[in-house]
Amino acid sequence: MLLAVVLLLLASLCLAVTVAAQEPTPEPPVYEVQPGDTLFTIAERFGTTVEALVAANGIEDPSLINVGQKLVIPTAQPELVPAPEPTAHSRVHPVHPGETLPALAFRYGTTVWALREGNPVHRLGLLTPGQELAIPEPLAILTGTATFPVVTGSPAPGVQGETLAIEVEGQQGMEVEGWFLGQALHFSGEEGRYWALVGVDPLTPAGSYPVALRATEVDSGDRLTFQQTLTVTKGEFSTYNVVVPADRTGLLAPDVSDAERLTVTAVFSGFSDLQLWRGPFGYPLAGELRITAPFGQRRSYNGGPVSSYHSGWDLGADKGTPVYAPMTGTVVLAEPLQVRGKVVILDHGRGVFTGFWHLSQIDVTVGQVVGKGEVVGLVGNSGLSTGPHLHWEMRVLGVAVDAFQWTRREFP
């Protein structure tokens, strides 16, 4: 027994954690000031603010800019949560009637002395029901020793723009909550095995990020705090300049696009505990798909700097082609918008949504539950579109993700 403890302690001292190197952040776009430009109009054009332009370029007087002056455009980046300092796992145990220090020391793989050291215990070692004890890390893990849950991510590593399933597996039933990349995780499951989905923003820099977790064990009442590091790798995205016809450039105006974006974002931010999907998703169009613009493609408009990315897949098709629900869902938006044209959004539950833009006809109504393969509308060219096509978008907890990933694999 003593030899096993010594070997375990020596092994723990030899462990080292390898953290994936951060990839260099791409250089921000640069804009050359044209006659008639002001910081306000430039900020509106590129979806930023005057304050951000002033800070990015060290401008002393915002009212004075010169024709030909080159300005760095601060592009929209996801707001990342600062990585917390690595902390040791913690376990707090509420004492139950009849429990003693020796029995607890055996259960948690520690010693009575260690329990006394970390807690204000009566000199006789008496415990009071309801008293909370901080449980130290086990010195040795034997059969029946209480351990911390195991945390895994799938796929591993995660990829920019993809959906990541985070699984927590423990020795007994738990109530679990957690956070990853600034998003609250919604766990589901039973019998000690729980999962949550999270979308990795296509602009999230490659690197390693902590999953912060808290859990309460149902039987023991123990409160656990623990974390795991998951890696995000770089996705493969191209860059494309979108040429918008002169009669539709007004749709790029911030007062039009921003209000519509807030409407759509509010819909995508919903969350329902009822899961309506099972198995891989289907495709929204029948037959062979003709991809005209991929998901995640970095975009500029009419020759301007890169200011956004493509949040879905553009699929070329003739006007009037039926658009099918790729999975059972509830219609949460079905109306014409200025930029996205005629729109249908389906809620599949657990924070998973699909959207269909630029339709020529909407065939469903809000509140209607449609089954996989049912028609939701027809392909069109409405809104900010340069030709008949379907824009197919998918969101997980409000983050745009690759919809094709959901056709290739089954999430919990």
Protein backbone atom coordinates (compact mmCIF):
# COMPACT_ATOMS: atom_id res chain seq x y z
CA MET A 1 0.00 0.00 0.00
CA LEU A 2 2.69 2.49 1.00
CA LEU A 3 4.74 1.58 -2.09
CA ALA A 4 1.74 2.21 -4.33
CA VAL A 5 1.19 5.65 -2.79
CA VAL A 6 4.85 6.61 -3.24
CA LEU A 7 4.86 5.47 -6.88
CA LEU A 8 1.66 7.42 -7.53
CA LEU A 9 3.11 10.60 -6.06
CA LEU A 10 6.32 10.23 -8.08
CA ALA A 11 4.35 9.70 -11.27
CA SER A 12 2.26 12.82 -10.65
CA LEU A 13 5.40 14.91 -10.30
CA CYS A 14 6.59 13.74 -13.70
CA LEU A 15 3.44 14.71 -15.57
CA ALA A 16 3.62 17.74 -17.88
CA VAL A 17 0.79 19.39 -19.75
CA THR A 18 1.38 20.29 -23.38
CA VAL A 19 -0.57 23.31 -24.57
CA ALA A 20 -1.13 23.79 -28.28
CA ALA A 21 0.69 26.81 -29.63
CA GLN A 22 -1.47 29.76 -30.57
CA GLU A 23 -1.49 30.47 -34.28
CA PRO A 24 -0.66 34.04 -35.30
CA THR A 25 -3.69 36.31 -35.57
CA PRO A 26 -4.39 37.37 -39.18
CA GLU A 27 -3.48 40.95 -40.11
CA PRO A 28 -6.53 43.27 -40.01
CA PRO A 29 -7.70 44.80 -43.33
CA VAL A 30 -6.55 48.30 -44.36
CA TYR A 31 -8.78 50.91 -46.02
CA GLU A 32 -7.58 53.94 -48.02
CA VAL A 33 -9.59 57.10 -47.26
CA GLN A 34 -11.58 58.38 -50.25
CA PRO A 35 -12.88 61.94 -50.95
CA GLY A 36 -15.94 62.63 -48.81
CA ASP A 37 -15.15 59.95 -46.24
CA THR A 38 -15.54 60.57 -42.53
CA LEU A 39 -14.73 58.24 -39.65
CA PHE A 40 -18.45 57.90 -39.07
CA THR A 41 -19.25 56.76 -42.65
CA ILE A 42 -16.24 54.41 -42.67
CA ALA A 43 -17.32 52.92 -39.36
CA GLU A 44 -20.87 52.41 -40.73
CA ARG A 45 -19.59 50.82 -43.93
CA PHE A 46 -17.47 48.21 -42.17
CA GLY A 47 -19.70 47.52 -39.19
CA THR A 48 -17.40 49.01 -36.56
CA THR A 49 -17.38 52.20 -34.44
CA VAL A 50 -15.61 55.53 -34.55
CA GLU A 51 -14.06 54.76 -31.16
CA ALA A 52 -12.65 51.48 -32.47
CA LEU A 53 -11.16 53.21 -35.55
CA VAL A 54 -9.60 55.92 -33.39
CA ALA A 55 -8.07 53.33 -31.03
CA ALA A 56 -6.80 51.08 -33.84
CA ASN A 57 -5.11 53.93 -35.70
CA GLY A 58 -3.95 56.25 -32.89
CA ILE A 59 -6.02 59.18 -34.25
CA GLU A 60 -5.77 62.28 -32.09
CA ASP A 61 -8.52 64.35 -33.75
CA PRO A 62 -11.42 62.22 -35.11
CA SER A 63 -12.59 65.14 -37.28
CA LEU A 64 -9.30 65.24 -39.23
CA ILE A 65 -8.55 62.45 -41.70
CA ASN A 66 -6.87 62.86 -45.08
CA VAL A 67 -7.65 61.48 -48.54
CA GLY A 68 -5.24 58.63 -49.20
CA GLN A 69 -4.67 57.97 -45.50
CA LYS A 70 -4.61 54.25 -44.73
CA LEU A 71 -6.73 53.09 -41.82
CA VAL A 72 -6.63 49.73 -40.10
CA ILE A 73 -10.18 48.34 -39.92
CA PRO A 74 -10.86 46.51 -36.65
CA THR A 75 -12.82 43.43 -37.77
CA ALA A 76 -15.41 41.70 -35.65
CA GLN A 77 -13.87 38.98 -33.51
CA PRO A 78 -15.68 36.69 -31.08
CA GLU A 79 -15.43 37.83 -27.49
CA LEU A 80 -13.29 35.21 -25.79
CA VAL A 81 -13.35 34.46 -22.10
CA PRO A 82 -9.92 34.90 -20.49
CA ALA A 83 -8.47 31.50 -19.67
CA PRO A 84 -8.54 31.04 -15.89
CA GLU A 85 -5.42 30.02 -14.06
CA PRO A 86 -5.18 26.23 -13.76
CA THR A 87 -6.73 25.22 -10.46
CA ALA A 88 -6.81 21.94 -8.58
CA HIS A 89 -10.07 20.03 -8.60
CA SER A 90 -12.10 20.59 -5.45
CA ARG A 91 -14.67 18.42 -3.67
CA VAL A 92 -16.85 19.50 -0.75
CA HIS A 93 -18.74 16.78 1.15
CA PRO A 94 -21.74 17.46 3.41
CA VAL A 95 -21.55 15.09 6.38
CA HIS A 96 -24.41 12.59 6.69
CA PRO A 97 -25.63 11.13 10.01
CA GLY A 98 -23.38 8.34 11.25
CA GLU A 99 -20.35 9.21 9.10
CA THR A 100 -16.91 9.21 10.71
CA LEU A 101 -13.50 10.54 9.72
CA PRO A 102 -11.95 7.05 9.25
CA ALA A 103 -14.83 5.93 7.01
CA LEU A 104 -14.62 9.10 4.91
CA ALA A 105 -10.84 8.84 4.66
CA PHE A 106 -11.20 5.30 3.29
CA ARG A 107 -13.93 6.33 0.82
CA TYR A 108 -11.90 9.20 -0.61
CA GLY A 109 -8.49 7.51 -0.65
CA THR A 110 -6.94 9.85 1.89
CA THR A 111 -6.05 9.88 5.59
CA VAL A 112 -7.70 11.11 8.76
CA TRP A 113 -4.73 13.42 9.25
CA ALA A 114 -5.29 15.01 5.80
CA LEU A 115 -8.97 15.54 6.53
CA ARG A 116 -8.11 17.19 9.87
CA GLU A 117 -5.49 19.41 8.21
CA GLY A 118 -7.95 20.84 5.67
CA ASN A 119 -10.98 21.29 7.92
CA PRO A 120 -11.97 22.72 11.33
CA VAL A 121 -12.67 19.35 12.96
CA HIS A 122 -13.40 18.78 16.68
CA ARG A 123 -10.31 17.55 18.57
CA LEU A 124 -12.07 14.24 19.20
CA GLY A 125 -12.81 13.87 15.50
CA LEU A 126 -16.56 14.14 15.97
CA LEU A 127 -18.57 15.18 12.91
CA THR A 128 -21.90 17.02 12.81
CA PRO A 129 -24.53 16.14 10.17
CA GLY A 130 -24.59 18.91 7.55
CA GLN A 131 -21.02 19.96 8.33
CA GLU A 132 -19.09 20.56 5.10
CA LEU A 133 -15.66 18.99 4.64
CA ALA A 134 -13.13 19.93 1.97
CA ILE A 135 -11.91 16.60 0.60
CA PRO A 136 -8.23 16.51 -0.46
CA GLU A 137 -6.98 14.80 -3.62
CA PRO A 138 -6.78 11.01 -3.10
CA LEU A 139 -3.37 9.62 -2.24
CA ALA A 140 -4.23 6.35 -3.93
CA ILE A 141 -7.17 5.25 -6.05
CA LEU A 142 -8.46 1.82 -5.06
CA THR A 143 -11.64 -0.02 -5.98
CA GLY A 144 -14.54 2.14 -4.79
CA THR A 145 -12.48 5.30 -4.28
CA ALA A 146 -14.52 8.40 -5.21
CA THR A 147 -12.98 10.08 -8.27
CA PHE A 148 -13.68 13.14 -10.37
CA PRO A 149 -15.75 12.85 -13.55
CA VAL A 150 -13.98 12.28 -16.86
CA VAL A 151 -14.42 15.06 -19.44
CA THR A 152 -14.02 14.50 -23.20
CA GLY A 153 -14.73 16.46 -26.34
CA SER A 154 -15.83 15.07 -29.72
CA PRO A 155 -14.52 15.52 -32.31
CA ALA A 156 -11.07 15.82 -30.77
CA PRO A 157 -9.54 18.21 -31.45
CA GLY A 158 -12.37 20.63 -32.19
CA VAL A 159 -12.25 22.63 -35.43
CA GLN A 160 -13.13 26.26 -36.14
CA GLY A 161 -16.73 26.44 -37.33
CA GLU A 162 -17.75 22.96 -36.16
CA THR A 163 -20.06 21.65 -33.44
CA LEU A 164 -18.36 20.11 -30.41
CA ALA A 165 -19.99 17.60 -28.07
CA ILE A 166 -18.67 17.78 -24.49
CA GLU A 167 -19.28 14.68 -22.38
CA VAL A 168 -18.97 14.32 -18.61
CA GLU A 169 -18.98 10.83 -17.10
CA GLY A 170 -18.99 10.21 -13.35
CA GLN A 171 -19.54 7.38 -10.87
CA GLN A 172 -23.08 8.39 -9.98
CA GLY A 173 -25.93 10.68 -11.00
CA MET A 174 -25.04 14.37 -11.07
CA GLU A 175 -26.37 17.83 -11.79
CA VAL A 176 -23.79 19.43 -14.12
CA GLU A 177 -23.20 22.96 -15.34
CA GLY A 178 -20.29 24.36 -17.31
CA TRP A 179 -18.84 27.05 -19.57
CA PHE A 180 -16.69 26.91 -22.71
CA LEU A 181 -15.57 29.72 -25.06
CA GLY A 182 -17.80 32.18 -23.22
CA GLN A 183 -20.92 30.04 -23.62
CA ALA A 184 -23.00 28.42 -20.89
CA LEU A 185 -23.32 24.69 -21.52
CA HIS A 186 -26.72 22.97 -21.26
CA PHE A 187 -26.13 19.40 -20.12
CA SER A 188 -28.50 16.50 -20.66
CA GLY A 189 -28.22 12.82 -19.72
CA GLU A 190 -28.66 10.39 -16.87
CA GLU A 191 -26.99 7.68 -14.77
CA GLY A 192 -23.70 9.53 -14.45
CA ARG A 193 -23.24 10.29 -18.16
CA TYR A 194 -24.03 13.77 -19.47
CA TRP A 195 -23.42 15.73 -22.68
CA ALA A 196 -23.73 19.27 -24.02
CA LEU A 197 -23.28 20.81 -27.45
CA VAL A 198 -21.35 23.99 -28.25
CA GLY A 199 -20.58 25.79 -31.50
CA VAL A 200 -16.97 26.86 -32.15
CA ASP A 201 -17.02 30.26 -33.87
CA PRO A 202 -15.18 30.21 -37.24
CA LEU A 203 -13.09 33.18 -36.02
CA THR A 204 -11.99 31.57 -32.73
CA PRO A 205 -8.16 31.50 -32.81
CA ALA A 206 -6.65 28.02 -32.81
CA GLY A 207 -5.36 27.04 -29.37
CA SER A 208 -6.30 25.37 -26.10
CA TYR A 209 -9.25 26.53 -24.03
CA PRO A 210 -10.55 25.47 -20.60
CA VAL A 211 -13.93 23.87 -19.96
CA ALA A 212 -14.97 25.05 -16.49
CA LEU A 213 -17.39 22.66 -14.78
CA ARG A 214 -19.37 22.33 -11.56
CA ALA A 215 -21.38 19.32 -10.47
CA THR A 216 -23.39 18.10 -7.50
CA GLU A 217 -23.54 14.34 -6.96
CA VAL A 218 -27.09 13.17 -6.29
CA ASP A 219 -26.35 10.41 -3.75
CA SER A 220 -23.41 11.85 -1.80
CA GLY A 221 -24.39 15.51 -2.12
CA ASP A 222 -20.74 16.30 -2.90
CA ARG A 223 -20.10 19.57 -4.74
CA LEU A 224 -17.35 19.27 -7.33
CA THR A 225 -15.41 21.94 -9.19
CA PHE A 226 -13.17 20.77 -12.02
CA GLN A 227 -11.93 21.72 -15.47
CA GLN A 228 -10.50 20.21 -18.62
CA THR A 229 -8.59 21.72 -21.53
CA LEU A 230 -9.88 21.18 -25.08
CA THR A 231 -8.03 22.10 -28.26
CA VAL A 232 -9.41 24.04 -31.23
CA THR A 233 -7.60 23.71 -34.57
CA LYS A 234 -7.72 25.88 -37.65
CA GLY A 235 -10.35 25.26 -40.34
CA GLU A 236 -9.80 25.63 -44.07
CA PHE A 237 -11.53 28.76 -45.34
CA SER A 238 -11.15 30.68 -48.60
CA THR A 239 -11.63 34.43 -49.24
CA TYR A 240 -14.09 35.91 -51.75
CA ASN A 241 -15.13 39.39 -52.94
CA VAL A 242 -18.90 39.71 -53.27
CA VAL A 243 -19.99 42.12 -56.03
CA VAL A 244 -23.36 43.56 -55.05
CA PRO A 245 -25.51 45.01 -57.89
CA ALA A 246 -25.96 48.79 -57.72
CA ASP A 247 -29.70 48.46 -57.12
CA ARG A 248 -29.07 46.41 -53.96
CA THR A 249 -26.13 48.16 -52.33
CA GLY A 250 -28.55 49.97 -50.02
CA LEU A 251 -29.11 46.66 -48.24
CA LEU A 252 -25.52 46.90 -46.95
CA ALA A 253 -26.35 50.05 -44.95
CA PRO A 254 -25.86 49.40 -41.22
CA ASP A 255 -29.29 50.81 -40.32
CA VAL A 256 -30.82 48.04 -42.47
CA SER A 257 -28.49 45.13 -41.79
CA ASP A 258 -28.00 45.73 -38.04
CA ALA A 259 -31.70 45.78 -37.18
CA GLU A 260 -32.29 42.60 -39.17
CA ARG A 261 -29.27 40.91 -37.59
CA LEU A 262 -30.66 41.64 -34.11
CA THR A 263 -34.00 40.08 -35.08
CA VAL A 264 -32.39 36.90 -36.38
CA THR A 265 -29.94 36.72 -33.46
CA ALA A 266 -32.82 36.89 -30.97
CA VAL A 267 -34.46 33.90 -32.66
CA PHE A 268 -31.22 31.89 -32.74
CA SER A 269 -30.63 32.63 -29.03
CA GLY A 270 -33.63 30.56 -27.93
CA PHE A 271 -33.26 27.27 -26.09
CA SER A 272 -35.70 24.40 -25.74
CA ASP A 273 -35.10 21.29 -23.60
CA LEU A 274 -37.14 19.21 -26.07
CA GLN A 275 -34.79 17.50 -28.53
CA LEU A 276 -36.49 16.93 -31.90
CA TRP A 277 -33.59 15.42 -33.83
CA ARG A 278 -32.43 11.84 -33.97
CA GLY A 279 -29.66 10.58 -36.23
CA PRO A 280 -27.84 12.54 -38.96
CA PHE A 281 -29.55 15.49 -40.66
CA GLY A 282 -30.65 15.31 -44.29
CA TYR A 283 -30.08 17.87 -47.06
CA PRO A 284 -32.47 20.74 -47.83
CA LEU A 285 -32.38 20.08 -51.60
CA ALA A 286 -32.98 16.85 -53.50
CA GLY A 287 -30.45 15.35 -55.91
CA GLU A 288 -26.82 16.35 -56.36
CA LEU A 289 -25.88 19.52 -54.48
CA ARG A 290 -24.22 22.37 -56.37
CA ILE A 291 -22.20 24.41 -53.87
CA THR A 292 -21.71 28.01 -54.99
CA ALA A 293 -20.24 29.40 -51.73
CA PRO A 294 -18.90 27.37 -48.78
CA PHE A 295 -19.47 27.92 -45.09
CA GLY A 296 -16.86 30.04 -43.29
CA GLN A 297 -15.63 31.79 -46.45
CA ARG A 298 -14.03 35.13 -45.55
CA ARG A 299 -15.82 37.93 -47.41
CA SER A 300 -15.38 41.47 -48.67
CA TYR A 301 -18.01 43.49 -50.52
CA ASN A 302 -17.48 45.44 -53.75
CA GLY A 303 -13.70 45.42 -53.34
CA GLY A 304 -13.60 46.53 -49.70
CA PRO A 305 -11.52 44.82 -46.98
CA VAL A 306 -12.53 41.49 -45.52
CA SER A 307 -15.20 42.31 -42.94
CA SER A 308 -17.13 39.10 -42.30
CA TYR A 309 -17.44 35.41 -43.06
CA HIS A 310 -20.13 33.36 -44.78
CA SER A 311 -22.36 31.93 -42.07
CA GLY A 312 -23.88 29.14 -44.17
CA TRP A 313 -23.73 27.12 -47.38
CA ASP A 314 -24.98 28.58 -50.68
CA LEU A 315 -26.51 25.89 -52.87
CA GLY A 316 -27.26 26.75 -56.50
CA ALA A 317 -30.73 25.76 -57.75
CA ASP A 318 -33.44 26.99 -60.10
CA LYS A 319 -36.09 29.33 -58.80
CA GLY A 320 -39.04 27.33 -57.50
CA THR A 321 -37.01 24.28 -56.44
CA PRO A 322 -38.54 22.76 -53.27
CA VAL A 323 -36.63 23.28 -50.01
CA TYR A 324 -36.98 20.44 -47.49
CA ALA A 325 -36.61 20.36 -43.71
CA PRO A 326 -33.36 18.47 -43.03
CA MET A 327 -34.73 17.30 -39.67
CA THR A 328 -37.91 17.60 -37.61
CA GLY A 329 -38.26 21.09 -36.18
CA THR A 330 -40.62 23.82 -35.03
CA VAL A 331 -40.99 26.90 -37.26
CA VAL A 332 -39.87 29.93 -35.21
CA LEU A 333 -39.53 32.49 -38.04
CA ALA A 334 -41.27 32.60 -41.43
CA GLU A 335 -41.33 36.07 -42.99
CA PRO A 336 -39.64 38.31 -45.58
CA LEU A 337 -36.57 40.27 -44.46
CA GLN A 338 -34.66 42.92 -46.42
CA VAL A 339 -31.17 41.38 -46.53
CA ARG A 340 -31.95 37.68 -46.16
CA GLY A 341 -35.09 37.81 -48.28
CA LYS A 342 -37.92 35.42 -47.52
CA VAL A 343 -36.75 33.38 -44.52
CA VAL A 344 -37.68 30.22 -42.63
CA ILE A 345 -35.95 29.20 -39.38
CA LEU A 346 -36.51 25.85 -37.67
CA ASP A 347 -35.84 25.08 -33.99
CA HIS A 348 -34.69 21.47 -33.54
CA GLY A 349 -34.28 21.78 -29.77
CA ARG A 350 -31.27 21.94 -27.40
CA GLY A 351 -30.13 25.22 -29.01
CA VAL A 352 -29.89 23.74 -32.54
CA PHE A 353 -31.42 25.76 -35.41
CA THR A 354 -31.41 25.69 -39.21
CA GLY A 355 -32.25 28.66 -41.45
CA PHE A 356 -33.13 29.05 -45.13
CA TRP A 357 -32.62 32.42 -46.86
CA HIS A 358 -33.61 34.05 -50.21
CA LEU A 359 -36.75 31.94 -50.74
CA SER A 360 -39.28 32.82 -53.44
CA GLN A 361 -42.12 31.29 -51.42
CA ILE A 362 -42.71 30.35 -47.78
CA ASP A 363 -44.90 27.27 -47.22
CA VAL A 364 -44.95 27.06 -43.39
CA THR A 365 -46.16 29.20 -40.51
CA VAL A 366 -44.68 30.05 -37.10
CA GLY A 367 -45.47 27.38 -34.50
CA GLN A 368 -45.90 24.61 -37.06
CA VAL A 369 -43.94 21.39 -36.45
CA VAL A 370 -42.52 20.04 -39.71
CA GLY A 371 -41.09 16.57 -40.17
CA LYS A 372 -37.81 15.62 -41.82
CA GLY A 373 -38.25 15.87 -45.59
CA GLU A 374 -41.31 18.16 -45.56
CA VAL A 375 -41.31 21.22 -47.85
CA VAL A 376 -40.75 24.55 -46.05
CA GLY A 377 -40.49 26.81 -49.12
CA LEU A 378 -39.13 27.30 -52.62
CA VAL A 379 -35.69 28.50 -53.82
CA GLY A 380 -35.63 32.14 -54.89
CA ASN A 381 -33.54 35.28 -55.32
CA SER A 382 -35.04 37.56 -52.68
CA GLY A 383 -33.06 39.93 -50.45
CA LEU A 384 -29.32 40.55 -50.89
CA SER A 385 -28.78 37.87 -53.52
CA THR A 386 -27.01 37.86 -56.89
CA GLY A 387 -28.94 34.92 -58.36
CA PRO A 388 -31.36 32.10 -57.51
CA HIS A 389 -29.91 29.93 -54.75
CA LEU A 390 -30.53 28.61 -51.25
CA HIS A 391 -28.51 29.87 -48.31
CA TRP A 392 -28.61 27.06 -45.72
CA GLU A 393 -27.49 28.08 -42.24
CA MET A 394 -27.09 26.23 -38.96
CA ARG A 395 -26.62 27.59 -35.44
CA VAL A 396 -25.77 25.92 -32.15
CA LEU A 397 -26.31 28.10 -29.07
CA GLY A 398 -26.38 31.09 -31.42
CA VAL A 399 -23.02 30.32 -33.10
CA ALA A 400 -22.89 29.65 -36.85
CA VAL A 401 -21.56 26.13 -37.54
CA ASP A 402 -20.96 23.86 -40.51
CA ALA A 403 -24.32 22.24 -41.34
CA PHE A 404 -22.65 19.50 -43.42
CA GLN A 405 -20.98 18.17 -40.26
CA TRP A 406 -24.47 17.25 -39.00
CA THR A 407 -25.15 15.21 -42.15
CA ARG A 408 -21.97 13.15 -41.65
CA ARG A 409 -22.29 12.21 -37.98
CA GLU A 410 -24.85 11.68 -35.26
CA PHE A 411 -24.77 13.92 -32.21
CA PRO A 412 -26.18 12.68 -28.88
